Amino acid sequence: MRLVLLQNGVRKEQGCQLPRPDPFDPTILEFIRKPPALQCNGDQHDLTYLSNDEWLRINFTTIRYNKLKVACFYRCFDRIDDDDENIHYDQWVRFNDTVRPECEFVETSCERTSFPRVTIYRNNHNQILKRKGTSLAINSGAKSVILIVLDSISHSNFVRNMPKSLEVLKSVYKSHIFDGMNKIGDQSFPNAVAFLAGRDHQTEFGDVKGFFDEHPLIWKEFEKANYTTYYAEDYPDFNLFNYLAKGFKKKPVHHYFRPFWLNVYGSYLHRRSKYLCYGTQAMHNIQLNYLSQFLRKYRDSPKFALNWLTELGHDYMNKVNVADDDFANFLLEHYDELKNSFLFVLSDHGHRFDSIRRTAIGRIEESLPFFSMHIPMDLRQRFPRITKTVESNTQILTTFWDFYVTMRDILDLGQNNKWEEFHGRKISQINASYSRRGLSLLRPIKDRNCKEAGIPDQFCPCYGEASVDTTNLLVSVDQLE
């Protein structure tokens, strides 16, 4: 009989010997399978579309090709005030060619004009309508902060299943890939609260069953600084602030995608679509397109975006591979909009459910989510010390507490245009009054252990695993060294 015990670092009082799990370790190869390509063929023709110029159009090419005689209608919809679970719909309006809806979310319907007069098409479209008052110039020192979260993707799993995206991040964006980023909680919510509020979700965050409007979420700080804010998350029943809770009474950010997904997930078209598809569209592409519009509409304004994709990687470890080409293309297509922003591509934790969790490597991977940071190119060129410091920190034990402090540091440096301090011979850590724990990733972080980093023992990566013989009642401590 054998027992697996934690070891290798138990007695180390300073620092952490980070694990280096091989993404292709022989013990996990049986769990690594390339999924078939995602093909969203759909069973209805796309009879309407919302173009980038904000015009809703009827697809007459498809209608003529299929010899259809139809009447098409549209209606705007959005969230109900004081309610994050229900939708308000405007009246249906018929349109014959093009129309310009004055709303972000549009539902369309087409019916036959000949007998039998039945609805043959329903769909949902979205757009970003630029808000007024985005006057803060981008050259003021303010830097946009964009977060793209892929749920349940470990560092190693990103290497395995997102190789094209990883190559774009490294070679085009010069992103820094953090080997020592570690989760601080079991599932998404505690980790998200750590980097979105700098708080412990159980003892410092307040009520987690009701509404979250009064909670200190970081996008509020960006809004105070005149940033335009964005929050999109698929899988609405399991959203961060809605699962076993009430979400938000008021719209939490300027551009909030939840109403769109509520209407999509409740639609007949979604129920009859393939897994991860909505009709002819991959669902991750729908949300990436919403982010794409946001980046382009506010190209010259400071912005904060949280784009969280849950369903893609949550249930099946390898499934995220179907989005690798799309995500790599998205990054390439938007390099001009993102090159002078802080771009964080990350996950909240590794996979918690797949069979790989039965292995030692899988258990290590679960605590080590993927995390990357792109430093704005103009800052890289002016202040090479930032690049050197951040790269050094990629090999240090880091956490989402640090990520929160980093975003607050970026905000403060931009607001006060203090980037010049990185010209100095020595960069010092900030004394963050807004967080009891956490250090800025832009500044030097010394080697530290889990206690110093704020990581609970059960998630500490500084311990390895050793198999020991349990036939003896007494196991020598030397066996655990």
Protein backbone atom coordinates (compact mmCIF):
# COMPACT_ATOMS: atom_id res chain seq x y z
CA MET A 1 0.00 0.00 0.00
CA ARG A 2 1.30 3.50 -0.84
CA LEU A 3 0.44 6.95 0.46
CA VAL A 4 1.13 10.24 -1.31
CA LEU A 5 2.38 12.94 1.06
CA LEU A 6 3.35 16.56 0.55
CA GLN A 7 7.05 17.27 0.75
CA ASN A 8 9.91 19.24 -0.82
CA GLY A 9 9.63 22.67 0.70
CA VAL A 10 7.76 21.86 3.91
CA ARG A 11 10.66 23.06 6.03
CA LYS A 12 11.73 25.90 3.80
CA GLU A 13 11.17 29.07 5.81
CA GLN A 14 12.04 31.51 3.04
CA GLY A 15 11.12 31.32 -0.60
CA CYS A 16 9.42 28.66 -2.64
CA GLN A 17 10.70 25.98 -4.93
CA LEU A 18 8.14 26.31 -7.70
CA PRO A 19 6.96 23.08 -9.30
CA ARG A 20 7.72 22.65 -12.97
CA PRO A 21 5.11 20.19 -14.22
CA ASP A 22 5.76 18.88 -17.71
CA PRO A 23 2.66 19.65 -19.83
CA PHE A 24 3.28 16.36 -21.62
CA ASP A 25 4.35 14.21 -18.70
CA PRO A 26 3.97 10.49 -19.54
CA THR A 27 1.61 9.99 -16.60
CA ILE A 28 -1.03 12.30 -18.13
CA LEU A 29 -0.74 11.52 -21.85
CA GLU A 30 -3.85 9.32 -21.77
CA PHE A 31 -5.91 12.38 -20.79
CA ILE A 32 -4.66 14.61 -23.61
CA ARG A 33 -6.88 14.31 -26.68
CA LYS A 34 -7.37 16.75 -29.51
CA PRO A 35 -11.10 17.46 -29.84
CA PRO A 36 -12.77 17.62 -33.27
CA ALA A 37 -13.04 21.05 -34.84
CA LEU A 38 -16.08 23.07 -33.82
CA GLN A 39 -18.49 23.33 -36.75
CA CYS A 40 -21.51 25.52 -36.14
CA ASN A 41 -23.62 24.78 -39.18
CA GLY A 42 -26.99 25.60 -37.69
CA ASP A 43 -30.36 24.57 -39.09
CA GLN A 44 -31.58 27.99 -40.19
CA HIS A 45 -30.28 30.48 -42.73
CA ASP A 46 -28.93 33.79 -41.43
CA LEU A 47 -31.57 36.16 -42.76
CA THR A 48 -30.50 39.26 -40.79
CA TYR A 49 -27.22 40.75 -39.62
CA LEU A 50 -26.04 43.82 -37.73
CA SER A 51 -23.10 45.41 -39.54
CA ASN A 52 -20.22 47.36 -38.01
CA ASP A 53 -21.77 50.63 -39.23
CA GLU A 54 -24.67 50.03 -36.80
CA TRP A 55 -27.21 49.19 -39.51
CA LEU A 56 -29.44 46.15 -39.15
CA ARG A 57 -29.85 44.57 -42.58
CA ILE A 58 -31.86 41.84 -44.25
CA ASN A 59 -29.71 39.27 -46.04
CA PHE A 60 -31.37 39.41 -49.45
CA THR A 61 -28.68 37.23 -51.02
CA THR A 62 -29.72 34.30 -48.85
CA ILE A 63 -33.42 35.07 -49.26
CA ARG A 64 -33.19 35.11 -53.06
CA TYR A 65 -31.01 32.01 -53.18
CA ASN A 66 -33.53 30.06 -51.12
CA LYS A 67 -36.51 31.64 -52.92
CA LEU A 68 -38.04 32.82 -49.68
CA LYS A 69 -40.89 35.29 -49.28
CA VAL A 70 -40.65 36.74 -45.79
CA ALA A 71 -41.53 39.68 -43.58
CA CYS A 72 -38.87 40.59 -41.01
CA PHE A 73 -39.17 42.36 -37.66
CA TYR A 74 -36.83 43.56 -34.93
CA ARG A 75 -37.06 44.66 -31.32
CA CYS A 76 -34.57 46.08 -28.84
CA PHE A 77 -34.10 44.46 -25.45
CA ASP A 78 -32.06 45.10 -22.31
CA ARG A 79 -32.00 44.40 -18.59
CA ILE A 80 -34.80 45.52 -16.31
CA ASP A 81 -33.80 48.14 -13.75
CA ASP A 82 -33.18 46.68 -10.28
CA ASP A 83 -33.14 43.16 -11.74
CA ASP A 84 -30.21 41.17 -13.14
CA GLU A 85 -32.23 38.12 -14.17
CA ASN A 86 -34.99 39.43 -16.44
CA ILE A 87 -35.23 41.33 -19.70
CA HIS A 88 -37.36 44.19 -20.98
CA TYR A 89 -38.43 43.95 -24.64
CA ASP A 90 -39.58 46.79 -26.87
CA GLN A 91 -42.40 46.27 -29.37
CA TRP A 92 -41.73 44.39 -32.60
CA VAL A 93 -41.13 46.72 -35.56
CA ARG A 94 -41.21 45.60 -39.18
CA PHE A 95 -38.35 46.62 -41.47
CA ASN A 96 -38.01 46.01 -45.19
CA ASP A 97 -34.33 46.55 -45.90
CA THR A 98 -32.18 48.36 -43.34
CA VAL A 99 -32.78 50.08 -40.03
CA ARG A 100 -30.52 51.65 -37.41
CA PRO A 101 -31.50 50.38 -33.94
CA GLU A 102 -30.71 52.75 -31.09
CA CYS A 103 -29.79 49.93 -28.73
CA GLU A 104 -26.98 47.45 -28.11
CA PHE A 105 -29.08 44.27 -28.16
CA VAL A 106 -31.50 43.42 -30.97
CA GLU A 107 -33.72 40.40 -31.55
CA THR A 108 -34.93 39.67 -35.07
CA SER A 109 -37.70 37.49 -36.44
CA CYS A 110 -38.81 36.61 -39.98
CA GLU A 111 -42.01 34.86 -41.03
CA ARG A 112 -43.36 33.54 -44.30
CA THR A 113 -45.72 35.86 -46.15
CA SER A 114 -47.34 32.91 -47.91
CA PHE A 115 -49.44 30.17 -46.36
CA PRO A 116 -48.72 28.79 -43.83
CA ARG A 117 -47.62 32.10 -42.26
CA VAL A 118 -45.19 30.82 -39.65
CA THR A 119 -41.99 32.14 -38.10
CA ILE A 120 -39.02 30.54 -39.84
CA TYR A 121 -36.19 32.57 -38.31
CA ARG A 122 -35.21 34.09 -34.94
CA ASN A 123 -31.84 35.50 -33.94
CA ASN A 124 -30.07 37.92 -31.59
CA HIS A 125 -27.52 40.57 -32.52
CA ASN A 126 -25.35 42.95 -30.54
CA GLN A 127 -23.35 46.11 -31.05
CA ILE A 128 -21.37 48.66 -29.04
CA LEU A 129 -22.91 52.12 -29.11
CA LYS A 130 -20.19 54.56 -28.09
CA ARG A 131 -21.14 56.57 -25.05
CA LYS A 132 -20.74 60.30 -24.90
CA GLY A 133 -18.25 62.02 -22.65
CA THR A 134 -15.14 59.90 -23.29
CA SER A 135 -12.94 62.97 -23.28
CA LEU A 136 -9.82 61.85 -21.41
CA ALA A 137 -6.99 61.79 -23.93
CA ILE A 138 -4.99 58.59 -24.24
CA ASN A 139 -1.70 60.52 -24.03
CA SER A 140 -2.53 61.70 -20.51
CA GLY A 141 -0.64 58.70 -19.14
CA ALA A 142 -3.74 56.59 -18.56
CA LYS A 143 -3.30 53.07 -19.87
CA SER A 144 -6.14 50.78 -20.89
CA VAL A 145 -6.42 47.53 -18.94
CA ILE A 146 -7.92 44.53 -20.74
CA LEU A 147 -8.56 41.20 -19.01
CA ILE A 148 -9.40 38.10 -21.03
CA VAL A 149 -10.20 35.19 -18.72
CA LEU A 150 -10.50 31.60 -19.94
CA ASP A 151 -12.08 29.64 -17.12
CA SER A 152 -10.39 26.51 -15.69
CA ILE A 153 -7.21 26.59 -17.82
CA SER A 154 -3.97 25.70 -16.08
CA HIS A 155 -0.61 27.01 -17.22
CA SER A 156 0.21 23.58 -18.67
CA ASN A 157 -3.17 23.17 -20.34
CA PHE A 158 -2.76 26.49 -22.13
CA VAL A 159 0.59 25.21 -23.42
CA ARG A 160 -1.05 21.99 -24.61
CA ASN A 161 -4.30 23.26 -26.06
CA MET A 162 -3.67 26.90 -27.03
CA PRO A 163 -0.26 26.67 -28.75
CA LYS A 164 -1.04 29.17 -31.52
CA SER A 165 -2.39 31.72 -29.08
CA LEU A 166 0.61 31.22 -26.81
CA GLU A 167 2.96 31.82 -29.72
CA VAL A 168 1.18 35.07 -30.64
CA LEU A 169 1.33 36.26 -27.03
CA LYS A 170 5.04 35.51 -26.81
CA SER A 171 6.31 36.50 -30.24
CA VAL A 172 3.98 39.35 -31.24
CA TYR A 173 2.88 40.84 -27.92
CA LYS A 174 6.09 40.00 -26.04
CA SER A 175 3.84 38.96 -23.17
CA HIS A 176 5.38 37.75 -19.95
CA ILE A 177 4.19 34.25 -18.99
CA PHE A 178 4.06 33.72 -15.23
CA ASP A 179 5.23 30.28 -14.12
CA GLY A 180 4.44 30.95 -10.46
CA MET A 181 0.92 32.40 -10.56
CA ASN A 182 -1.08 30.44 -7.99
CA LYS A 183 -4.74 30.34 -7.06
CA ILE A 184 -5.83 31.40 -3.56
CA GLY A 185 -9.25 29.73 -3.51
CA ASP A 186 -10.83 26.54 -4.75
CA GLN A 187 -13.14 27.82 -7.48
CA SER A 188 -13.75 30.93 -9.58
CA PHE A 189 -15.43 33.24 -7.08
CA PRO A 190 -12.72 33.55 -4.39
CA ASN A 191 -10.03 33.96 -7.02
CA ALA A 192 -12.03 36.57 -8.92
CA VAL A 193 -12.81 38.52 -5.74
CA ALA A 194 -9.09 38.52 -4.95
CA PHE A 195 -8.12 40.23 -8.21
CA LEU A 196 -11.27 42.31 -8.68
CA ALA A 197 -11.52 43.61 -5.12
CA GLY A 198 -8.35 42.65 -3.26
CA ARG A 199 -10.54 41.04 -0.59
CA ASP A 200 -11.02 37.65 0.97
CA HIS A 201 -14.45 36.49 -0.18
CA GLN A 202 -15.40 35.00 3.19
CA THR A 203 -14.15 37.54 5.72
CA GLU A 204 -13.70 40.87 3.92
CA PHE A 205 -16.08 41.09 0.98
CA GLY A 206 -19.46 41.40 2.67
CA ASP A 207 -22.73 39.76 1.63
CA VAL A 208 -22.19 37.25 -1.19
CA LYS A 209 -25.84 36.13 -1.49
CA GLY A 210 -27.49 39.43 -2.40
CA PHE A 211 -26.65 42.27 -4.77
CA PHE A 212 -23.07 43.37 -5.37
CA ASP A 213 -23.62 47.03 -6.25
CA GLU A 214 -22.00 48.32 -3.06
CA HIS A 215 -19.01 45.98 -3.17
CA PRO A 216 -15.59 47.54 -3.95
CA LEU A 217 -15.05 46.09 -7.42
CA ILE A 218 -12.08 47.47 -9.29
CA TRP A 219 -13.95 48.75 -12.35
CA LYS A 220 -15.46 51.42 -10.07
CA GLU A 221 -11.97 52.83 -9.52
CA PHE A 222 -11.40 52.94 -13.27
CA GLU A 223 -14.74 54.67 -13.83
CA LYS A 224 -13.78 57.33 -11.28
CA ALA A 225 -10.72 57.98 -13.45
CA ASN A 226 -12.88 58.50 -16.57
CA TYR A 227 -12.31 55.06 -18.07
CA THR A 228 -15.03 53.39 -20.13
CA THR A 229 -15.83 50.01 -18.59
CA TYR A 230 -16.92 46.65 -20.03
CA TYR A 231 -17.92 43.31 -18.52
CA ALA A 232 -18.92 40.25 -20.55
CA GLU A 233 -19.34 36.71 -19.24
CA ASP A 234 -21.06 33.78 -20.92
CA TYR A 235 -22.91 30.91 -19.18
CA PRO A 236 -25.28 33.33 -17.37
CA ASP A 237 -26.67 30.86 -14.82
CA PHE A 238 -23.15 30.47 -13.43
CA ASN A 239 -21.86 34.04 -13.70
CA LEU A 240 -19.49 35.17 -10.96
CA PHE A 241 -21.99 37.44 -9.26
CA ASN A 242 -25.21 35.60 -10.13
CA TYR A 243 -24.60 31.99 -9.13
CA LEU A 244 -26.42 31.58 -5.79
CA ALA A 245 -26.62 35.38 -5.64
CA LYS A 246 -28.54 38.29 -7.17
CA GLY A 247 -25.96 40.03 -9.34
CA PHE A 248 -26.42 43.77 -9.68
CA LYS A 249 -29.42 46.03 -9.18
CA LYS A 250 -28.00 48.66 -11.49
CA LYS A 251 -25.96 48.18 -14.63
CA PRO A 252 -22.47 47.64 -13.16
CA VAL A 253 -20.40 48.93 -16.10
CA HIS A 254 -20.94 51.03 -19.21
CA HIS A 255 -21.14 48.00 -21.51
CA TYR A 256 -22.67 44.92 -19.86
CA PHE A 257 -23.21 41.78 -21.95
CA ARG A 258 -25.33 39.73 -19.54
CA PRO A 259 -28.75 40.71 -21.03
CA PHE A 260 -27.64 39.45 -24.44
CA TRP A 261 -26.56 36.06 -23.11
CA LEU A 262 -29.73 35.71 -21.04
CA ASN A 263 -31.80 36.06 -24.19
CA VAL A 264 -29.54 33.72 -26.16
CA TYR A 265 -29.41 30.94 -23.56
CA GLY A 266 -33.18 31.09 -23.16
CA SER A 267 -33.87 30.91 -26.89
CA TYR A 268 -35.17 28.02 -28.95
CA LEU A 269 -32.29 28.52 -31.39
CA HIS A 270 -29.75 27.92 -28.63
CA ARG A 271 -31.54 24.79 -27.43
CA ARG A 272 -31.34 23.24 -30.87
CA SER A 273 -27.78 24.39 -31.62
CA LYS A 274 -24.65 22.29 -31.26
CA TYR A 275 -22.66 22.44 -28.03
CA LEU A 276 -20.72 25.75 -27.83
CA CYS A 277 -22.67 27.11 -30.81
CA TYR A 278 -25.49 29.58 -31.29
CA GLY A 279 -26.88 28.78 -34.71
CA THR A 280 -24.05 29.25 -37.20
CA GLN A 281 -21.76 31.05 -34.75
CA ALA A 282 -19.31 29.76 -32.17
CA MET A 283 -20.35 31.32 -28.88
CA HIS A 284 -16.83 32.34 -27.92
CA ASN A 285 -16.62 34.27 -31.19
CA ILE A 286 -19.84 36.14 -30.39
CA GLN A 287 -18.32 37.43 -27.17
CA LEU A 288 -14.93 38.13 -28.75
CA ASN A 289 -16.75 40.14 -31.42
CA TYR A 290 -18.43 42.24 -28.73
CA LEU A 291 -14.98 42.89 -27.24
CA SER A 292 -13.67 43.65 -30.73
CA GLN A 293 -16.30 46.36 -31.18
CA PHE A 294 -15.47 47.78 -27.76
CA LEU A 295 -11.75 48.02 -28.55
CA ARG A 296 -12.41 49.76 -31.86
CA LYS A 297 -15.10 52.16 -30.67
CA TYR A 298 -12.88 53.35 -27.82
CA ARG A 299 -9.56 53.03 -29.61
CA ASP A 300 -8.32 56.44 -28.40
CA SER A 301 -9.89 56.42 -24.93
CA PRO A 302 -8.75 54.70 -21.72
CA LYS A 303 -10.84 51.63 -21.02
CA PHE A 304 -11.18 48.71 -18.65
CA ALA A 305 -12.55 45.38 -19.88
CA LEU A 306 -13.28 42.09 -18.16
CA ASN A 307 -14.05 39.44 -20.79
CA TRP A 308 -14.69 36.09 -19.10
CA LEU A 309 -15.29 32.92 -21.15
CA THR A 310 -16.55 30.10 -18.93
CA GLU A 311 -18.28 27.41 -20.95
CA LEU A 312 -15.38 26.86 -23.34
CA GLY A 313 -13.05 25.25 -20.80
CA HIS A 314 -15.12 24.59 -17.71
CA ASP A 315 -16.38 21.05 -18.23
CA TYR A 316 -13.82 19.40 -20.51
CA MET A 317 -10.10 20.04 -20.21
CA ASN A 318 -9.21 19.70 -23.89
CA LYS A 319 -12.26 21.45 -25.36
CA VAL A 320 -10.64 24.90 -25.25
CA ASN A 321 -8.46 23.77 -28.15
CA VAL A 322 -11.37 24.38 -30.55
CA ALA A 323 -10.94 28.12 -29.94
CA ASP A 324 -7.16 28.32 -30.40
CA ASP A 325 -7.26 29.49 -34.03
CA ASP A 326 -10.01 32.01 -33.31
CA PHE A 327 -8.28 33.43 -30.27
CA ALA A 328 -4.91 33.66 -32.02
CA ASN A 329 -6.57 35.46 -34.93
CA PHE A 330 -8.35 37.82 -32.54
CA LEU A 331 -5.04 38.76 -30.93
CA LEU A 332 -3.39 39.32 -34.30
CA GLU A 333 -6.31 41.31 -35.66
CA HIS A 334 -6.38 43.64 -32.66
CA TYR A 335 -2.70 44.18 -32.11
CA ASP A 336 -2.95 47.84 -33.12
CA GLU A 337 -5.72 48.45 -30.58
CA LEU A 338 -3.96 46.50 -27.83
CA LYS A 339 -0.25 47.16 -28.31
CA ASN A 340 -0.21 50.19 -26.00
CA SER A 341 -2.59 48.70 -23.43
CA PHE A 342 -1.99 46.36 -20.54
CA LEU A 343 -3.37 43.04 -21.76
CA PHE A 344 -3.80 40.22 -19.27
CA VAL A 345 -4.74 36.80 -20.63
CA LEU A 346 -5.36 34.50 -17.70
CA SER A 347 -7.40 31.84 -16.01
CA ASP A 348 -8.79 31.52 -12.49
CA HIS A 349 -7.50 28.02 -11.70
CA GLY A 350 -6.67 24.76 -13.43
CA HIS A 351 -9.20 22.05 -14.23
CA ARG A 352 -11.16 20.85 -11.23
CA PHE A 353 -13.30 18.06 -12.72
CA ASP A 354 -11.55 16.23 -15.55
CA SER A 355 -9.97 12.81 -15.05
CA ILE A 356 -6.48 14.32 -15.01
CA ARG A 357 -7.20 15.30 -11.39
CA ARG A 358 -6.55 11.66 -10.46
CA THR A 359 -2.85 12.16 -11.21
CA ALA A 360 -0.17 13.97 -9.22
CA ILE A 361 0.51 16.25 -12.21
CA GLY A 362 -3.18 17.07 -12.51
CA ARG A 363 -3.40 18.05 -8.86
CA ILE A 364 -0.40 20.35 -9.23
CA GLU A 365 -1.82 21.89 -12.41
CA GLU A 366 -5.09 22.75 -10.70
CA SER A 367 -3.37 25.33 -8.48
CA LEU A 368 -1.37 26.93 -11.30
CA PRO A 369 -3.65 28.89 -13.66
CA PHE A 370 -2.34 30.43 -16.85
CA PHE A 371 -1.39 34.09 -16.45
CA SER A 372 0.26 36.43 -18.93
CA MET A 373 0.93 40.16 -19.00
CA HIS A 374 1.53 42.34 -22.04
CA ILE A 375 3.21 45.65 -21.17
CA PRO A 376 2.30 48.56 -23.47
CA MET A 377 4.91 48.84 -26.20
CA ASP A 378 5.47 52.54 -25.61
CA LEU A 379 6.28 51.85 -21.95
CA ARG A 380 8.57 48.95 -22.89
CA GLN A 381 10.57 51.24 -25.14
CA ARG A 382 10.75 54.18 -22.72
CA PHE A 383 11.26 52.20 -19.52
CA PRO A 384 13.06 48.90 -20.19
CA ARG A 385 13.42 48.44 -16.43
CA ILE A 386 9.71 47.56 -16.26
CA THR A 387 10.22 44.71 -18.70
CA LYS A 388 13.21 43.38 -16.79
CA THR A 389 11.38 43.56 -13.47
CA VAL A 390 8.21 41.86 -14.71
CA GLU A 391 10.18 39.10 -16.39
CA SER A 392 12.01 38.45 -13.13
CA ASN A 393 8.67 38.22 -11.32
CA THR A 394 7.46 35.50 -13.69
CA GLN A 395 9.72 33.09 -11.79
CA ILE A 396 8.47 34.12 -8.33
CA LEU A 397 5.47 32.78 -6.44
CA THR A 398 2.66 35.24 -7.27
CA THR A 399 -1.08 35.42 -6.65
CA PHE A 400 -4.27 37.19 -7.59
CA TRP A 401 -3.69 39.47 -4.60
CA ASP A 402 -0.69 40.75 -6.55
CA PHE A 403 -2.76 41.10 -9.70
CA TYR A 404 -5.21 43.38 -7.92
CA VAL A 405 -2.43 45.60 -6.55
CA THR A 406 -0.88 45.69 -10.02
CA MET A 407 -4.05 47.04 -11.61
CA ARG A 408 -4.37 49.66 -8.88
CA ASP A 409 -0.71 50.56 -9.46
CA ILE A 410 -1.35 50.96 -13.21
CA LEU A 411 -4.33 53.18 -12.49
CA ASP A 412 -2.41 55.38 -10.05
CA LEU A 413 0.64 55.69 -12.29
CA GLY A 414 -1.56 56.70 -15.21
CA GLN A 415 -3.76 59.12 -13.31
CA ASN A 416 -0.79 61.00 -11.94
CA ASN A 417 1.43 60.38 -14.99
CA LYS A 418 4.16 58.95 -12.77
CA TRP A 419 5.62 56.48 -15.24
CA GLU A 420 8.88 58.45 -15.15
CA GLU A 421 9.68 56.93 -11.78
CA PHE A 422 10.65 53.78 -13.68
CA HIS A 423 13.64 55.71 -15.01
CA GLY A 424 15.12 55.59 -11.52
CA ARG A 425 18.00 53.37 -10.52
CA LYS A 426 15.85 51.56 -7.99
CA ILE A 427 12.16 50.72 -8.19
CA SER A 428 10.51 50.18 -4.83
CA GLN A 429 7.32 48.33 -3.97
CA ILE A 430 4.27 50.40 -3.16
CA ASN A 431 2.67 50.48 0.25
CA ALA A 432 -0.85 49.60 -0.83
CA SER A 433 -3.35 51.02 1.64
CA TYR A 434 -6.19 49.45 -0.37
CA SER A 435 -5.07 45.85 0.16
CA ARG A 436 -3.84 43.97 3.22
CA ARG A 437 -1.86 41.65 0.99
CA GLY A 438 -0.39 41.68 -2.49
CA LEU A 439 2.52 43.35 -4.28
CA SER A 440 2.65 45.04 -7.67
CA LEU A 441 3.95 42.81 -10.44
CA LEU A 442 5.48 45.92 -12.04
CA ARG A 443 7.90 46.19 -9.12
CA PRO A 444 10.48 43.77 -7.68
CA ILE A 445 9.08 40.87 -5.65
CA LYS A 446 11.46 38.86 -3.50
CA ASP A 447 11.33 35.10 -3.26
CA ARG A 448 8.69 34.18 -0.70
CA ASN A 449 6.73 31.30 0.71
CA CYS A 450 2.99 30.62 0.62
CA LYS A 451 2.26 32.25 3.96
CA GLU A 452 3.95 35.46 2.86
CA ALA A 453 2.09 35.38 -0.47
CA GLY A 454 -1.31 34.83 1.17
CA ILE A 455 -1.86 31.31 -0.20
CA PRO A 456 -3.71 28.80 2.03
CA ASP A 457 -1.73 25.63 2.74
CA GLN A 458 -4.09 23.40 0.75
CA PHE A 459 -3.26 25.33 -2.44
CA CYS A 460 0.44 25.84 -1.78
CA PRO A 461 2.55 24.74 -4.78
CA CYS A 462 5.82 24.79 -2.85
CA TYR A 463 5.14 21.26 -1.69
CA GLY A 464 5.80 18.37 -3.99
CA GLU A 465 4.31 14.89 -3.74
CA ALA A 466 6.17 11.79 -2.65
CA SER A 467 4.95 8.20 -2.55
CA VAL A 468 5.87 6.46 0.69
CA ASP A 469 5.39 2.94 1.97
CA THR A 470 2.58 2.80 4.51
CA THR A 471 3.08 -0.81 5.54
CA ASN A 472 5.14 0.52 8.41
CA LEU A 473 3.18 2.38 11.05
CA LEU A 474 6.06 4.81 11.48
CA VAL A 475 7.33 6.69 8.46
CA SER A 476 10.68 8.38 8.88
CA VAL A 477 10.61 12.13 8.42
CA ASP A 478 13.72 11.70 6.30
CA GLN A 479 11.56 9.99 3.69
CA LEU A 480 9.67 13.25 3.23
CA GLU A 481 12.75 15.35 2.59
